[in-house]
């Protein structure tokens, strides 16, 4: 009988280790990509960096911004902020 398994050289420890290291490397890269995709920015902009001011800029004010969280918080700018304040990161509600 002709067995196809006998036509191929046996799997050596060296080949097995190389395959394992390669698979582990690929798994690590995929895991790092998933972690990076799920990461969220936690550092908020300072009042100075955002150009924050205590008064509105025309009709634009923190109270009408998507990032404002009553009574005095913001997703992107350090608290406290005024509902009547304004900054360069203003994003009007749709």
N, C-alpha and C. Protein backbone atom coordinates (compact mmCIF):
# COMPACT_ATOMS: atom_id res chain seq x y z
N UNK A 1 0.83 -1.19 0.00
CA UNK A 1 0.00 0.00 0.00
C UNK A 1 0.87 1.25 0.00
N UNK A 2 0.38 2.23 -0.69
CA UNK A 2 1.11 3.49 -0.77
C UNK A 2 0.41 4.51 0.12
N UNK A 3 1.04 4.87 1.22
CA UNK A 3 0.46 5.82 2.17
C UNK A 3 1.06 7.20 1.90
N UNK A 4 0.22 8.20 1.68
CA UNK A 4 0.69 9.55 1.36
C UNK A 4 1.48 10.17 2.52
N UNK A 5 1.17 9.78 3.73
CA UNK A 5 1.88 10.35 4.88
C UNK A 5 3.36 9.96 4.86
N UNK A 6 3.69 8.86 4.29
CA UNK A 6 5.07 8.42 4.25
C UNK A 6 5.89 9.20 3.23
N UNK A 7 5.25 9.88 2.29
CA UNK A 7 5.96 10.64 1.27
C UNK A 7 6.50 11.97 1.81
N UNK A 8 5.96 12.45 2.93
CA UNK A 8 6.38 13.73 3.48
C UNK A 8 7.32 13.49 4.65
N UNK A 9 8.34 14.37 4.80
CA UNK A 9 9.24 14.21 5.94
C UNK A 9 8.49 14.49 7.24
N UNK A 10 8.91 13.87 8.33
CA UNK A 10 8.22 14.09 9.60
C UNK A 10 8.38 15.54 10.07
N UNK A 11 7.44 15.99 10.84
CA UNK A 11 7.47 17.35 11.38
C UNK A 11 8.52 17.41 12.49
N UNK A 12 9.51 18.26 12.31
CA UNK A 12 10.57 18.36 13.31
C UNK A 12 10.17 19.35 14.40
N UNK A 13 10.86 19.27 15.53
CA UNK A 13 10.60 20.22 16.62
C UNK A 13 10.88 21.65 16.17
N UNK A 14 11.90 21.83 15.37
CA UNK A 14 12.25 23.17 14.90
C UNK A 14 11.12 23.78 14.08
N UNK A 15 10.55 23.01 13.16
CA UNK A 15 9.43 23.50 12.35
C UNK A 15 8.21 23.79 13.22
N UNK A 16 7.97 22.92 14.19
CA UNK A 16 6.84 23.11 15.08
C UNK A 16 7.00 24.38 15.91
N UNK A 17 8.21 24.62 16.43
CA UNK A 17 8.46 25.83 17.21
C UNK A 17 8.33 27.09 16.35
N UNK A 18 8.84 27.05 15.13
CA UNK A 18 8.72 28.21 14.23
C UNK A 18 7.26 28.53 13.95
N UNK A 19 6.47 27.50 13.71
CA UNK A 19 5.05 27.71 13.44
C UNK A 19 4.35 28.28 14.67
N UNK A 20 4.70 27.78 15.85
CA UNK A 20 4.09 28.26 17.09
C UNK A 20 4.44 29.71 17.37
N UNK A 21 5.72 30.07 17.17
CA UNK A 21 6.15 31.45 17.40
C UNK A 21 5.46 32.38 16.40
N UNK A 22 5.35 31.96 15.16
CA UNK A 22 4.67 32.79 14.16
C UNK A 22 3.21 33.00 14.50
N UNK A 23 2.55 31.93 14.92
CA UNK A 23 1.13 32.04 15.29
C UNK A 23 0.95 32.93 16.51
N UNK A 24 1.86 32.82 17.48
CA UNK A 24 1.77 33.66 18.68
C UNK A 24 1.99 35.13 18.32
N UNK A 25 2.91 35.40 17.40
CA UNK A 25 3.16 36.77 16.97
C UNK A 25 1.95 37.38 16.28
N UNK A 26 1.33 36.61 15.43
CA UNK A 26 0.12 37.09 14.73
C UNK A 26 -1.00 37.35 15.73
N UNK A 27 -1.17 36.44 16.68
CA UNK A 27 -2.22 36.62 17.70
C UNK A 27 -1.96 37.87 18.53
N UNK A 28 -0.69 38.12 18.87
CA UNK A 28 -0.35 39.31 19.66
C UNK A 28 -0.65 40.59 18.88
N UNK A 29 -0.33 40.60 17.58
CA UNK A 29 -0.61 41.79 16.77
C UNK A 29 -2.11 42.03 16.64
N UNK A 30 -2.87 40.97 16.45
CA UNK A 30 -4.32 41.12 16.35
C UNK A 30 -4.90 41.62 17.66
N UNK A 31 -4.40 41.11 18.77
CA UNK A 31 -4.88 41.55 20.08
C UNK A 31 -4.56 43.00 20.33
N UNK A 32 -3.37 43.45 19.93
CA UNK A 32 -2.98 44.85 20.10
C UNK A 32 -3.86 45.76 19.25
N UNK A 33 -4.21 45.31 18.06
CA UNK A 33 -5.08 46.10 17.19
C UNK A 33 -6.47 46.27 17.78
N UNK A 34 -6.99 45.21 18.37
CA UNK A 34 -8.31 45.27 19.01
C UNK A 34 -8.26 46.20 20.21
N UNK A 35 -7.19 46.10 21.01
CA UNK A 35 -7.07 46.96 22.19
C UNK A 35 -6.98 48.42 21.77
N UNK A 36 -6.24 48.71 20.71
CA UNK A 36 -6.12 50.09 20.25
C UNK A 36 -7.45 50.61 19.72
N UNK A 37 -8.20 49.77 19.06
CA UNK A 37 -9.50 50.19 18.53
C UNK A 37 -10.48 50.49 19.65
N UNK A 38 -10.36 49.79 20.77
CA UNK A 38 -11.27 49.99 21.89
C UNK A 38 -10.81 51.08 22.85
N UNK A 39 -9.61 51.58 22.67
CA UNK A 39 -9.08 52.60 23.57
C UNK A 39 -9.86 53.89 23.41
N UNK A 40 -10.00 54.60 24.51
CA UNK A 40 -10.70 55.88 24.48
C UNK A 40 -9.79 56.95 25.05
N UNK A 41 -9.90 58.14 24.53
CA UNK A 41 -9.12 59.25 25.04
C UNK A 41 -9.69 59.65 26.39
N UNK A 42 -8.81 59.71 27.40
CA UNK A 42 -9.29 60.06 28.73
C UNK A 42 -8.81 61.44 29.16
N UNK A 43 -7.79 61.99 28.51
CA UNK A 43 -7.28 63.29 28.90
C UNK A 43 -8.08 64.38 28.19
N UNK A 44 -8.61 65.28 28.99
CA UNK A 44 -9.40 66.38 28.43
C UNK A 44 -8.50 67.59 28.17
N UNK A 45 -8.93 68.44 27.27
CA UNK A 45 -8.19 69.66 26.96
C UNK A 45 -8.33 70.64 28.12
N UNK A 46 -7.27 71.38 28.37
CA UNK A 46 -7.34 72.41 29.40
C UNK A 46 -8.16 73.58 28.87
N UNK A 47 -8.59 74.44 29.78
CA UNK A 47 -9.35 75.63 29.36
C UNK A 47 -8.52 76.45 28.36
N UNK A 48 -7.23 76.59 28.66
CA UNK A 48 -6.35 77.39 27.80
C UNK A 48 -6.21 76.76 26.41
N UNK A 49 -5.95 75.45 26.36
CA UNK A 49 -5.78 74.78 25.07
C UNK A 49 -7.05 74.81 24.22
N UNK A 50 -8.20 74.77 24.86
CA UNK A 50 -9.48 74.78 24.13
C UNK A 50 -9.92 76.20 23.78
N UNK A 51 -9.21 77.20 24.30
CA UNK A 51 -9.61 78.58 24.06
C UNK A 51 -10.92 78.90 24.78
N UNK A 52 -11.12 78.28 25.94
CA UNK A 52 -12.37 78.45 26.68
C UNK A 52 -12.51 79.87 27.21
N UNK A 53 -13.74 80.38 27.12
CA UNK A 53 -14.08 81.68 27.69
C UNK A 53 -15.42 81.56 28.41
N UNK A 54 -15.62 82.34 29.43
CA UNK A 54 -16.82 82.28 30.26
C UNK A 54 -18.06 82.85 29.58
N UNK A 55 -17.88 83.54 28.46
CA UNK A 55 -19.02 84.15 27.78
C UNK A 55 -19.25 83.48 26.42
N UNK A 56 -20.48 83.51 25.91
CA UNK A 56 -20.78 82.87 24.63
C UNK A 56 -20.12 83.59 23.46
N UNK A 57 -20.05 82.91 22.33
CA UNK A 57 -19.55 83.48 21.09
C UNK A 57 -20.76 83.61 20.17
N UNK A 58 -21.45 84.72 20.28
CA UNK A 58 -22.70 84.90 19.55
C UNK A 58 -23.72 83.93 20.09
N UNK A 59 -24.34 83.15 19.21
CA UNK A 59 -25.33 82.15 19.63
C UNK A 59 -24.68 80.85 20.09
N UNK A 60 -23.38 80.73 19.87
CA UNK A 60 -22.67 79.51 20.26
C UNK A 60 -22.29 79.59 21.74
N UNK A 61 -22.76 78.61 22.50
CA UNK A 61 -22.43 78.54 23.92
C UNK A 61 -22.43 77.08 24.35
N UNK A 62 -21.77 76.78 25.45
CA UNK A 62 -21.63 75.40 25.91
C UNK A 62 -22.98 74.69 26.06
N UNK A 63 -23.99 75.41 26.51
CA UNK A 63 -25.30 74.80 26.71
C UNK A 63 -25.93 74.26 25.44
N UNK A 64 -25.48 74.73 24.27
CA UNK A 64 -26.01 74.23 23.00
C UNK A 64 -25.02 73.33 22.26
N UNK A 65 -23.98 72.90 22.96
CA UNK A 65 -22.94 72.04 22.38
C UNK A 65 -23.22 70.57 22.69
N UNK A 66 -22.95 69.68 21.73
CA UNK A 66 -23.15 68.24 21.92
C UNK A 66 -22.27 67.67 23.03
N UNK A 67 -21.17 68.31 23.32
CA UNK A 67 -20.21 67.77 24.28
C UNK A 67 -20.49 68.21 25.72
N UNK A 68 -21.39 69.13 25.90
CA UNK A 68 -21.72 69.65 27.23
C UNK A 68 -22.55 68.66 28.01
N UNK A 69 -22.23 68.49 29.30
CA UNK A 69 -22.98 67.63 30.21
C UNK A 69 -23.38 68.46 31.43
N UNK A 70 -24.68 68.78 31.55
CA UNK A 70 -25.13 69.60 32.67
C UNK A 70 -24.77 68.97 34.01
N UNK A 71 -24.55 69.74 35.03
CA UNK A 71 -24.69 71.19 35.06
C UNK A 71 -23.43 71.94 34.64
N UNK A 72 -22.23 71.33 34.73
CA UNK A 72 -21.02 72.11 34.41
C UNK A 72 -19.86 71.23 33.94
N UNK A 73 -20.16 70.26 33.09
CA UNK A 73 -19.13 69.33 32.63
C UNK A 73 -19.12 69.25 31.10
N UNK A 74 -18.00 68.77 30.57
CA UNK A 74 -17.84 68.64 29.12
C UNK A 74 -17.06 67.36 28.83
N UNK A 75 -17.34 66.74 27.71
CA UNK A 75 -16.63 65.52 27.32
C UNK A 75 -15.18 65.82 26.95
N UNK A 76 -14.90 66.98 26.36
CA UNK A 76 -13.57 67.26 25.83
C UNK A 76 -12.77 68.32 26.58
N UNK A 77 -13.42 69.12 27.42
CA UNK A 77 -12.73 70.19 28.14
C UNK A 77 -12.83 69.93 29.64
N UNK A 78 -11.73 70.23 30.35
CA UNK A 78 -11.71 70.04 31.80
C UNK A 78 -12.83 70.83 32.47
N UNK A 79 -13.41 70.25 33.48
CA UNK A 79 -14.47 70.92 34.25
C UNK A 79 -13.82 71.81 35.30
N UNK A 80 -14.52 72.76 35.84
CA UNK A 80 -15.89 73.14 35.53
C UNK A 80 -15.95 74.10 34.35
N UNK A 81 -17.08 74.07 33.68
CA UNK A 81 -17.34 75.04 32.62
C UNK A 81 -18.72 75.62 32.83
N UNK A 82 -18.94 76.78 32.27
CA UNK A 82 -20.23 77.45 32.39
C UNK A 82 -21.13 77.06 31.22
N UNK A 83 -22.41 76.94 31.49
CA UNK A 83 -23.38 76.67 30.42
C UNK A 83 -23.37 77.79 29.39
N UNK A 84 -22.99 78.99 29.83
CA UNK A 84 -22.94 80.15 28.94
C UNK A 84 -21.55 80.40 28.38
N UNK A 85 -20.60 79.49 28.64
CA UNK A 85 -19.24 79.63 28.12
C UNK A 85 -19.17 79.18 26.67
N UNK A 86 -17.95 79.23 26.11
CA UNK A 86 -17.71 78.79 24.74
C UNK A 86 -16.24 78.43 24.58
N UNK A 87 -15.92 77.51 23.65
CA UNK A 87 -14.52 77.20 23.33
C UNK A 87 -14.41 76.84 21.85
N UNK A 88 -13.18 76.70 21.38
CA UNK A 88 -12.93 76.37 19.96
C UNK A 88 -13.39 74.97 19.59
N UNK A 89 -13.66 74.12 20.57
CA UNK A 89 -14.09 72.75 20.31
C UNK A 89 -15.61 72.63 20.23
N UNK A 90 -16.28 73.75 20.16
CA UNK A 90 -17.75 73.78 20.11
C UNK A 90 -18.28 72.93 18.95
N UNK A 91 -19.28 72.11 19.26
CA UNK A 91 -19.94 71.27 18.25
C UNK A 91 -21.44 71.40 18.46
N UNK A 92 -22.09 72.21 17.65
CA UNK A 92 -23.52 72.45 17.80
C UNK A 92 -24.36 71.20 17.69
N UNK A 93 -25.46 71.18 18.42
CA UNK A 93 -26.39 70.05 18.36
C UNK A 93 -27.13 70.08 17.04
N UNK A 94 -27.36 68.92 16.47
CA UNK A 94 -28.06 68.84 15.18
C UNK A 94 -29.55 68.96 15.35
